[in-house]
Amino acid sequence: MMLDETSAPMTTSGGLARATQAPKISFVSLGCPKALVDSERIIGQLRAEGYELAKTHRGAAAVIVNTCGFLDSAKAESLAAIGAAAAENGKVIVTGCMGAEPTAILEKFPDLRWISGPQDFGSVMRAVHEAAPPPHDPFLDLLPPQGIKLTPRHYAYVKISEGCNNRCTFCIIPKLRGELVSREAADVLREAEKLVAGGVKELLIISQDTSAYGLDLQYAESSFRGHTVKAKFFDLARELGQFGVWVRLHYVYPYPHVDEVIELMAEGKILPYLDIPFQHASPRILHAMRRPGGAGKMLERISKWRAACPGLTLRSTFIVGFPGESEEDFALLLDWLQDAKIDRAGAFKYEPVAGAAANDLGLPPVAPEVAETRYKCLMEHCQKISARKLKEKTGKRMAVIVDHAGTRAGIGRTAGDAPEIDGKVHLVSRRPLRQGDIVTVKIERSDAYDLHGTAI
């Protein structure tokens, strides 16, 4: 996504326009929410130093492209964005996951200003300074306490750790982002506190492996609001639940201690929503992926979770066409999905990624046309499950957060829907709606992915 802001004359506290125009930086942010948080941090620093964001590449002092390098398709998108920036501007600074392995970038674009990997904010800012020195205007050094956010005002992503200690064979994230590095609990909570004070109604907790949070810190304690908090998954979730806003957990690896957090969901402290990327259900394929392989035991856990928290929504992603996946393996996945009744499911066709261990397993590749057929079959399967589960909500009254507001209509989400990736609630109202409102909606009908209702 290309980011811009309306250019207006900058004023001092006395209301006088600045005589000189601040340098403008064009910015393209690609990839996952974790990359979006990195973009927010860079843009926050740009604004603190007085830079403005440009609407177009042409004429900007420099272009920053925050890349994604997880899959070949993502790399192609990143290279296309770099190419567009180079064609229109020429002063291109590349950062992000693809920048961690710059050879492919340099082969196509040898004259870039700078290339760095993810989280290397200091080198990005040094490259910006070389392209255009910062204005150093004291009136532009002021930022809102919650920093600069690229999401709508009513929700924000909070990244609690970087990197990952898992070694899934299809993934190169540990190579790109390194080992697990958790933030202190107090640091996370202070950020959340500022966001809530700034009007955020929903905190989306993200990392590469959220439930591993604090392992590298040995669950060290830190002080927040006069008491100590352990850097531990459950403890952090409990504290976040005290802010009185929606708290949504993403990228949760199904470790045993995840069961403890279900209690917080049942008590209404955090949203009854778990985003767990199961990836597959065949024990043989899970073993090849180096993922937890107890599909049957996982069904038992899901059943216990739903018994303890009946309103629980499960979101997950699955990979089809992994090397060695047989028709029997795929049938096992479909059967497991039918039993698990995953509320929100997404799927990917396997892509071989350079440097991934899956390339060296010696397993036969799945033909592209077979992977495509399985992908369509799985999505149709999941669509039917989703349609049945959403139909059960017809006639119920549900809390809905408004993302897009109008005088008599709007679009929002239930507690079971994350922004951008899950379903929506299309609603009508007798009174004007405001973005960020949490309203009660009577659900009147449903389709495969969305709900329709009236605000009460």
Protein backbone atom coordinates (compact mmCIF):
# COMPACT_ATOMS: atom_id res chain seq x y z
CA MET A 1 0.00 0.00 0.00
CA MET A 2 1.28 3.44 -0.90
CA LEU A 3 0.98 5.97 1.88
CA ASP A 4 0.32 9.68 1.55
CA GLU A 5 -0.99 12.61 3.50
CA THR A 6 -2.56 15.89 2.47
CA SER A 7 0.06 18.60 2.16
CA ALA A 8 -0.87 21.75 4.04
CA PRO A 9 1.16 24.76 5.15
CA MET A 10 2.91 23.85 8.39
CA THR A 11 2.32 26.37 11.17
CA THR A 12 3.99 27.24 14.42
CA SER A 13 2.07 27.46 17.67
CA GLY A 14 1.49 31.13 16.83
CA GLY A 15 -0.26 30.18 13.57
CA LEU A 16 2.40 31.51 11.14
CA ALA A 17 3.18 29.40 8.11
CA ARG A 18 6.68 28.02 7.79
CA ALA A 19 8.78 29.82 5.23
CA THR A 20 10.46 26.67 3.95
CA GLN A 21 8.76 23.54 2.78
CA ALA A 22 9.58 20.29 4.56
CA PRO A 23 11.13 17.52 2.43
CA LYS A 24 8.61 14.96 1.23
CA ILE A 25 9.18 11.22 1.39
CA SER A 26 7.12 8.73 -0.60
CA PHE A 27 6.40 5.46 1.21
CA VAL A 28 5.20 2.03 0.08
CA SER A 29 4.36 -0.56 2.76
CA LEU A 30 3.95 -4.20 1.71
CA GLY A 31 3.46 -7.45 3.59
CA CYS A 32 1.85 -8.50 6.86
CA PRO A 33 0.70 -6.48 9.88
CA LYS A 34 4.12 -7.01 11.48
CA ALA A 35 5.66 -5.14 8.54
CA LEU A 36 2.96 -2.48 8.88
CA VAL A 37 4.07 -1.86 12.47
CA ASP A 38 7.65 -1.42 11.19
CA SER A 39 6.33 1.11 8.64
CA GLU A 40 4.50 2.98 11.39
CA ARG A 41 7.71 3.26 13.37
CA ILE A 42 9.67 4.62 10.41
CA ILE A 43 6.93 7.10 9.50
CA GLY A 44 6.69 8.17 13.13
CA GLN A 45 10.39 9.02 13.08
CA LEU A 46 10.07 10.81 9.73
CA ARG A 47 7.29 13.00 11.08
CA ALA A 48 9.15 13.62 14.34
CA GLU A 49 12.07 14.97 12.29
CA GLY A 50 9.82 17.19 10.20
CA TYR A 51 9.46 15.23 6.97
CA GLU A 52 6.13 15.02 5.16
CA LEU A 53 4.68 12.12 3.19
CA ALA A 54 4.35 12.62 -0.56
CA LYS A 55 1.29 11.63 -2.55
CA THR A 56 3.37 10.38 -5.47
CA HIS A 57 6.93 9.18 -6.08
CA ARG A 58 7.62 11.92 -8.59
CA GLY A 59 9.27 14.91 -6.98
CA ALA A 60 9.77 13.27 -3.59
CA ALA A 61 13.14 13.64 -1.88
CA ALA A 62 13.28 9.85 -1.63
CA VAL A 63 11.08 6.75 -1.83
CA ILE A 64 11.06 4.12 0.92
CA VAL A 65 9.78 0.65 -0.02
CA ASN A 66 9.14 -1.70 2.90
CA THR A 67 9.26 -5.12 1.23
CA CYS A 68 7.89 -8.60 1.88
CA GLY A 69 10.06 -11.63 1.12
CA PHE A 70 8.08 -14.57 2.47
CA LEU A 71 6.89 -16.09 -0.84
CA ASP A 72 8.02 -15.73 -4.44
CA SER A 73 4.75 -13.97 -5.27
CA ALA A 74 5.42 -11.47 -2.47
CA LYS A 75 8.95 -10.94 -3.72
CA ALA A 76 7.61 -10.27 -7.22
CA GLU A 77 5.23 -7.66 -5.80
CA SER A 78 8.10 -6.05 -3.89
CA LEU A 79 10.32 -5.96 -7.00
CA ALA A 80 7.48 -4.40 -8.98
CA ALA A 81 7.07 -1.69 -6.32
CA ILE A 82 10.82 -1.00 -6.32
CA GLY A 83 10.79 -0.83 -10.12
CA ALA A 84 7.91 1.65 -10.15
CA ALA A 85 9.69 3.81 -7.58
CA ALA A 86 12.98 3.66 -9.49
CA ALA A 87 11.27 4.61 -12.76
CA GLU A 88 9.46 7.61 -11.29
CA ASN A 89 12.02 8.86 -8.81
CA GLY A 90 15.38 7.10 -8.74
CA LYS A 91 16.18 7.80 -5.09
CA VAL A 92 14.92 4.53 -3.64
CA ILE A 93 15.55 3.18 -0.13
CA VAL A 94 14.61 -0.48 0.33
CA THR A 95 13.95 -2.10 3.70
CA GLY A 96 11.97 -5.05 5.07
CA CYS A 97 12.15 -8.83 4.79
CA MET A 98 13.29 -9.01 1.18
CA GLY A 99 16.12 -6.61 2.02
CA ALA A 100 17.63 -9.24 4.32
CA GLU A 101 18.75 -11.11 1.19
CA PRO A 102 19.51 -8.24 -1.23
CA THR A 103 21.06 -10.17 -4.13
CA ALA A 104 17.81 -10.55 -6.07
CA ILE A 105 17.10 -6.84 -5.63
CA LEU A 106 20.57 -5.68 -6.69
CA GLU A 107 20.51 -7.87 -9.79
CA LYS A 108 17.55 -5.86 -11.09
CA PHE A 109 18.23 -2.51 -9.46
CA PRO A 110 21.97 -1.92 -8.85
CA ASP A 111 21.64 1.84 -8.30
CA LEU A 112 19.43 1.93 -5.21
CA ARG A 113 20.22 4.40 -2.43
CA TRP A 114 20.14 1.81 0.33
CA ILE A 115 19.02 -1.73 1.16
CA SER A 116 18.48 -3.04 4.67
CA GLY A 117 16.61 -5.89 6.32
CA PRO A 118 13.60 -5.66 8.64
CA GLN A 119 13.72 -3.58 11.83
CA ASP A 120 16.86 -1.70 10.76
CA PHE A 121 15.26 1.67 11.40
CA GLY A 122 18.52 3.49 12.07
CA SER A 123 20.05 2.75 8.67
CA VAL A 124 16.81 3.72 6.91
CA MET A 125 16.83 7.12 8.61
CA ARG A 126 20.51 7.63 7.79
CA ALA A 127 19.73 6.98 4.13
CA VAL A 128 16.86 9.49 4.30
CA HIS A 129 19.18 12.08 5.90
CA GLU A 130 21.64 11.64 3.02
CA ALA A 131 18.87 12.15 0.47
CA ALA A 132 17.40 15.18 2.27
CA PRO A 133 18.60 16.57 5.63
CA PRO A 134 15.87 16.79 8.27
CA PRO A 135 14.28 20.21 8.85
CA HIS A 136 14.90 20.03 12.62
CA ASP A 137 11.98 22.36 13.23
CA PRO A 138 11.04 22.11 16.93
CA PHE A 139 7.35 22.55 16.15
CA LEU A 140 7.44 19.52 13.86
CA ASP A 141 9.14 17.36 16.47
CA LEU A 142 5.85 16.98 18.34
CA LEU A 143 4.02 13.69 17.88
CA PRO A 144 0.85 12.37 19.45
CA PRO A 145 1.71 10.15 22.45
CA GLN A 146 0.49 7.04 20.62
CA GLY A 147 2.80 7.73 17.66
CA ILE A 148 1.91 7.59 13.96
CA LYS A 149 -0.53 4.85 12.93
CA LEU A 150 -1.37 3.64 9.43
CA THR A 151 -4.57 1.91 10.54
CA PRO A 152 -7.88 3.71 11.13
CA ARG A 153 -8.00 5.61 14.41
CA HIS A 154 -10.17 3.05 16.22
CA TYR A 155 -7.87 0.01 15.96
CA ALA A 156 -4.12 -0.61 16.08
CA TYR A 157 -1.64 -3.45 15.83
CA VAL A 158 0.67 -3.98 18.81
CA LYS A 159 3.76 -6.07 18.09
CA ILE A 160 4.97 -7.82 21.24
CA SER A 161 8.04 -9.60 19.85
CA GLU A 162 10.24 -10.02 16.81
CA GLY A 163 11.59 -13.18 15.20
CA CYS A 164 10.78 -16.83 15.79
CA ASN A 165 12.41 -19.91 17.31
CA ASN A 166 10.37 -22.42 15.29
CA ARG A 167 11.86 -24.08 12.24
CA CYS A 168 8.89 -24.84 10.01
CA THR A 169 10.32 -26.27 6.81
CA PHE A 170 8.25 -24.05 4.49
CA CYS A 171 9.26 -20.81 6.23
CA ILE A 172 12.36 -18.56 6.10
CA ILE A 173 11.14 -15.95 8.61
CA PRO A 174 13.81 -16.90 11.22
CA LYS A 175 16.44 -16.24 8.53
CA LEU A 176 14.89 -12.88 7.72
CA ARG A 177 13.87 -11.66 11.17
CA GLY A 178 16.07 -13.72 13.48
CA GLU A 179 15.38 -15.55 16.74
CA LEU A 180 12.60 -14.62 19.15
CA VAL A 181 13.16 -11.24 20.82
CA SER A 182 10.34 -10.21 23.16
CA ARG A 183 9.57 -6.75 24.48
CA GLU A 184 9.27 -6.15 28.22
CA ALA A 185 5.68 -6.48 29.40
CA ALA A 186 5.67 -2.95 30.80
CA ASP A 187 6.86 -1.58 27.45
CA VAL A 188 3.98 -3.30 25.63
CA LEU A 189 1.47 -2.13 28.21
CA ARG A 190 2.64 1.47 28.08
CA GLU A 191 2.18 1.46 24.32
CA ALA A 192 -1.29 -0.03 24.69
CA GLU A 193 -2.17 2.57 27.33
CA LYS A 194 -1.20 5.43 25.00
CA LEU A 195 -3.16 3.91 22.14
CA VAL A 196 -6.31 3.58 24.24
CA ALA A 197 -5.88 7.14 25.53
CA GLY A 198 -5.64 8.24 21.88
CA GLY A 199 -9.01 6.70 21.00
CA VAL A 200 -8.16 3.13 19.97
CA LYS A 201 -11.04 0.73 20.64
CA GLU A 202 -9.38 -2.50 19.48
CA LEU A 203 -5.85 -3.78 20.07
CA LEU A 204 -4.65 -6.47 17.67
CA ILE A 205 -1.77 -8.34 19.29
CA ILE A 206 0.75 -9.64 16.77
CA SER A 207 4.18 -11.23 16.51
CA GLN A 208 5.61 -14.17 14.62
CA ASP A 209 4.76 -16.54 17.49
CA THR A 210 2.54 -14.74 20.00
CA SER A 211 2.17 -17.60 22.48
CA ALA A 212 5.98 -17.92 22.77
CA TYR A 213 6.11 -14.38 24.12
CA GLY A 214 8.64 -13.89 26.93
CA LEU A 215 10.43 -17.23 26.55
CA ASP A 216 13.68 -15.48 25.61
CA LEU A 217 13.33 -13.15 28.61
CA GLN A 218 12.74 -16.12 30.93
CA TYR A 219 9.40 -14.44 31.70
CA ALA A 220 11.15 -11.54 33.45
CA GLU A 221 9.06 -9.11 35.49
CA SER A 222 8.79 -5.39 34.80
CA SER A 223 6.89 -2.61 36.57
CA PHE A 224 3.66 -1.12 35.23
CA ARG A 225 1.26 1.12 37.16
CA GLY A 226 2.94 0.30 40.45
CA HIS A 227 2.91 -3.49 40.15
CA THR A 228 5.04 -6.11 38.44
CA VAL A 229 3.98 -8.01 35.33
CA LYS A 230 5.68 -11.12 33.96
CA ALA A 231 6.65 -11.23 30.28
CA LYS A 232 4.36 -14.22 29.83
CA PHE A 233 1.56 -14.88 27.34
CA PHE A 234 -1.20 -15.29 29.92
CA ASP A 235 -0.03 -12.46 32.17
CA LEU A 236 0.24 -10.00 29.31
CA ALA A 237 -3.18 -10.97 27.95
CA ARG A 238 -4.71 -10.52 31.40
CA GLU A 239 -3.19 -7.04 31.79
CA LEU A 240 -4.27 -5.98 28.30
CA GLY A 241 -7.78 -7.08 29.22
CA GLN A 242 -7.87 -4.39 31.93
CA PHE A 243 -7.92 -1.51 29.42
CA GLY A 244 -11.61 -1.91 28.63
CA VAL A 245 -11.18 -2.27 24.86
CA TRP A 246 -11.30 -5.17 22.45
CA VAL A 247 -8.11 -7.28 22.57
CA ARG A 248 -7.58 -9.73 19.69
CA LEU A 249 -4.83 -12.38 19.61
CA HIS A 250 -3.14 -13.23 16.31
CA TYR A 251 -0.52 -15.81 15.23
CA VAL A 252 -0.95 -18.06 18.26
CA TYR A 253 1.07 -21.28 18.10
CA PRO A 254 -0.97 -24.01 19.88
CA TYR A 255 1.28 -24.60 22.88
CA PRO A 256 -0.42 -26.23 25.92
CA HIS A 257 -0.48 -22.98 27.92
CA VAL A 258 -2.82 -21.42 25.34
CA ASP A 259 -5.59 -23.26 27.20
CA GLU A 260 -5.20 -20.83 30.12
CA VAL A 261 -6.13 -17.82 27.98
CA ILE A 262 -9.51 -19.35 27.11
CA GLU A 263 -10.53 -18.53 30.69
CA LEU A 264 -9.91 -14.82 30.03
CA MET A 265 -12.05 -15.07 26.92
CA ALA A 266 -14.86 -16.78 28.78
CA GLU A 267 -14.75 -13.99 31.39
CA GLY A 268 -14.99 -11.31 28.70
CA LYS A 269 -11.55 -9.89 29.45
CA ILE A 270 -10.27 -10.39 25.89
CA LEU A 271 -12.08 -11.26 22.68
CA PRO A 272 -13.10 -14.92 22.25
CA TYR A 273 -10.96 -15.17 19.12
CA LEU A 274 -7.91 -17.28 18.37
CA ASP A 275 -5.86 -17.02 15.20
CA ILE A 276 -3.94 -20.32 15.04
CA PRO A 277 -2.21 -21.26 11.76
CA PHE A 278 -2.69 -25.05 11.87
CA GLN A 279 -1.34 -25.39 8.28
CA HIS A 280 -2.51 -29.00 7.79
CA ALA A 281 -4.05 -32.02 9.54
CA SER A 282 -2.26 -35.02 8.06
CA PRO A 283 0.28 -36.26 10.64
CA ARG A 284 2.67 -37.17 7.83
CA ILE A 285 2.57 -33.70 6.26
CA LEU A 286 2.70 -31.94 9.63
CA HIS A 287 5.82 -33.95 10.46
CA ALA A 288 7.40 -32.90 7.16
CA MET A 289 6.48 -29.29 7.94
CA ARG A 290 7.88 -29.61 11.49
CA ARG A 291 4.53 -28.58 12.92
CA PRO A 292 2.62 -30.16 15.85
CA GLY A 293 1.31 -33.47 14.51
CA GLY A 294 -1.47 -34.52 16.89
CA ALA A 295 -4.51 -33.65 14.78
CA GLY A 296 -6.77 -35.86 16.92
CA LYS A 297 -5.57 -34.32 20.17
CA MET A 298 -6.05 -30.88 18.63
CA LEU A 299 -9.71 -31.71 18.00
CA GLU A 300 -10.06 -32.62 21.67
CA ARG A 301 -8.53 -29.31 22.72
CA ILE A 302 -10.80 -27.35 20.37
CA SER A 303 -13.80 -29.15 21.84
CA LYS A 304 -12.69 -28.23 25.37
CA TRP A 305 -12.07 -24.62 24.34
CA ARG A 306 -15.58 -24.31 22.92
CA ALA A 307 -17.09 -25.95 25.98
CA ALA A 308 -15.32 -23.43 28.23
CA CYS A 309 -16.04 -20.48 25.90
CA PRO A 310 -19.05 -21.19 23.65
CA GLY A 311 -18.64 -17.96 21.68
CA LEU A 312 -15.07 -18.76 20.62
CA THR A 313 -14.14 -17.99 17.01
CA LEU A 314 -11.24 -19.91 15.48
CA ARG A 315 -9.36 -18.54 12.49
CA SER A 316 -6.67 -20.51 10.73
CA THR A 317 -4.67 -20.91 7.54
CA PHE A 318 -3.78 -24.07 5.63
CA ILE A 319 -1.25 -25.00 2.96
CA VAL A 320 -2.24 -27.31 0.11
CA GLY A 321 0.18 -28.86 -2.35
CA PHE A 322 3.06 -29.25 0.12
CA PRO A 323 5.72 -31.63 -1.28
CA GLY A 324 4.63 -35.23 -0.84
CA GLU A 325 0.96 -34.37 -0.12
CA SER A 326 -1.11 -37.30 -1.37
CA GLU A 327 -4.84 -37.54 -2.05
CA GLU A 328 -5.13 -39.38 1.26
CA ASP A 329 -3.36 -36.51 3.09
CA PHE A 330 -5.68 -33.98 1.48
CA ALA A 331 -8.75 -36.06 2.34
CA LEU A 332 -7.57 -36.16 5.97
CA LEU A 333 -7.37 -32.37 5.94
CA LEU A 334 -10.93 -32.02 4.61
CA ASP A 335 -12.26 -34.49 7.20
CA TRP A 336 -10.43 -32.67 9.99
CA LEU A 337 -11.87 -29.33 8.89
CA GLN A 338 -15.34 -30.82 8.94
CA ASP A 339 -14.80 -32.01 12.53
CA ALA A 340 -12.99 -28.88 13.73
CA LYS A 341 -15.51 -26.50 12.11
CA ILE A 342 -12.97 -23.69 11.80
CA ASP A 343 -14.97 -20.45 11.69
CA ARG A 344 -12.62 -18.47 9.48
CA ALA A 345 -10.22 -20.34 7.20
CA GLY A 346 -7.79 -19.23 4.54
CA ALA A 347 -5.59 -21.33 2.29
CA PHE A 348 -2.40 -21.01 0.29
CA LYS A 349 -0.99 -23.08 -2.52
CA TYR A 350 2.51 -24.15 -1.53
CA GLU A 351 5.29 -22.11 -3.10
CA PRO A 352 8.92 -23.29 -2.89
CA VAL A 353 10.90 -20.53 -1.22
CA ALA A 354 14.64 -20.22 -1.78
CA GLY A 355 16.45 -21.24 1.40
CA ALA A 356 13.52 -23.13 2.92
CA ALA A 357 14.26 -26.58 4.36
CA ALA A 358 11.27 -28.06 2.51
CA ASN A 359 13.32 -27.88 -0.68
CA ASP A 360 15.73 -30.49 0.67
CA LEU A 361 13.28 -33.04 2.06
CA GLY A 362 13.43 -35.19 -1.06
CA LEU A 363 9.64 -35.31 -1.29
CA PRO A 364 7.94 -35.30 -4.71
CA PRO A 365 6.44 -31.97 -5.74
CA VAL A 366 2.69 -31.67 -6.23
CA ALA A 367 1.76 -30.67 -9.78
CA PRO A 368 0.51 -27.06 -10.00
CA GLU A 369 -2.82 -28.10 -11.53
CA VAL A 370 -3.36 -30.58 -8.67
CA ALA A 371 -2.54 -27.93 -6.07
CA GLU A 372 -4.99 -25.54 -7.77
CA THR A 373 -7.76 -28.17 -7.72
CA ARG A 374 -7.14 -28.91 -4.05
CA TYR A 375 -7.08 -25.21 -3.22
CA LYS A 376 -10.48 -24.62 -4.83
CA CYS A 377 -11.90 -27.74 -3.17
CA LEU A 378 -10.67 -26.68 0.27
CA MET A 379 -12.02 -23.14 -0.09
CA GLU A 380 -15.43 -24.44 -1.19
CA HIS A 381 -15.38 -26.82 1.78
CA CYS A 382 -14.54 -24.00 4.19
CA GLN A 383 -17.13 -21.72 2.61
CA LYS A 384 -19.88 -24.22 3.36
CA ILE A 385 -18.73 -24.51 6.97
CA SER A 386 -18.65 -20.72 7.29
CA ALA A 387 -22.13 -20.35 5.78
CA ARG A 388 -23.59 -22.88 8.25
CA LYS A 389 -21.92 -21.25 11.26
CA LEU A 390 -22.98 -17.74 10.26
CA LYS A 391 -26.58 -18.87 9.69
CA GLU A 392 -26.68 -19.88 13.37
CA LYS A 393 -26.18 -16.21 14.26
CA THR A 394 -29.39 -15.11 12.50
CA GLY A 395 -31.81 -13.59 15.00
CA LYS A 396 -29.12 -12.94 17.61
CA ARG A 397 -27.98 -9.59 18.93
CA MET A 398 -24.26 -9.01 18.62
CA ALA A 399 -21.75 -6.30 19.47
CA VAL A 400 -20.30 -4.79 16.29
CA ILE A 401 -17.44 -2.31 15.91
CA VAL A 402 -18.06 0.17 13.10
CA ASP A 403 -15.27 0.43 10.50
CA HIS A 404 -17.08 2.50 7.87
CA ALA A 405 -19.81 4.86 9.00
CA GLY A 406 -22.68 6.62 7.28
CA THR A 407 -25.78 8.49 8.34
CA ARG A 408 -28.06 5.47 8.05
CA ALA A 409 -25.77 2.57 7.14
CA GLY A 410 -22.32 1.23 7.83
CA ILE A 411 -19.95 -1.73 7.74
CA GLY A 412 -18.50 -3.27 10.87
CA ARG A 413 -17.20 -6.44 12.46
CA THR A 414 -18.19 -8.75 15.29
CA ALA A 415 -15.78 -9.92 17.97
CA GLY A 416 -15.18 -12.92 15.70
CA ASP A 417 -13.87 -10.89 12.78
CA ALA A 418 -10.45 -9.27 12.42
CA PRO A 419 -10.07 -6.31 10.05
CA GLU A 420 -9.15 -6.96 6.42
CA ILE A 421 -9.01 -10.77 6.71
CA ASP A 422 -12.37 -11.94 8.13
CA GLY A 423 -16.03 -11.23 7.46
CA LYS A 424 -18.06 -8.04 7.77
CA VAL A 425 -21.40 -6.95 9.16
CA HIS A 426 -23.45 -4.81 6.77
CA LEU A 427 -25.77 -2.78 8.95
CA VAL A 428 -28.46 -0.14 8.76
CA SER A 429 -29.26 2.27 11.54
CA ARG A 430 -31.91 4.80 12.54
CA ARG A 431 -29.26 7.17 13.82
CA PRO A 432 -25.93 8.31 12.38
CA LEU A 433 -23.03 5.98 13.01
CA ARG A 434 -19.46 6.96 13.84
CA GLN A 435 -16.30 5.07 13.00
CA GLY A 436 -15.15 3.21 16.11
CA ASP A 437 -18.60 2.99 17.69
CA ILE A 438 -19.41 -0.40 19.21
CA VAL A 439 -23.13 -0.93 18.65
CA THR A 440 -25.60 -3.72 19.24
CA VAL A 441 -26.86 -5.20 15.98
CA LYS A 442 -29.73 -7.60 15.44
CA ILE A 443 -28.58 -10.09 12.79
CA GLU A 444 -31.28 -10.58 10.15
CA ARG A 445 -29.55 -12.67 7.48
CA SER A 446 -26.22 -14.13 6.46
CA ASP A 447 -24.28 -15.34 3.44
CA ALA A 448 -21.09 -17.36 3.04
CA TYR A 449 -18.84 -14.86 4.82
CA ASP A 450 -20.82 -11.81 5.96
CA LEU A 451 -23.71 -10.88 8.22
CA HIS A 452 -26.50 -8.33 7.65
CA GLY A 453 -28.47 -6.60 10.37
CA THR A 454 -29.93 -3.51 12.02
CA ALA A 455 -28.33 -1.44 14.77
CA ILE A 456 -30.55 -1.29 17.82
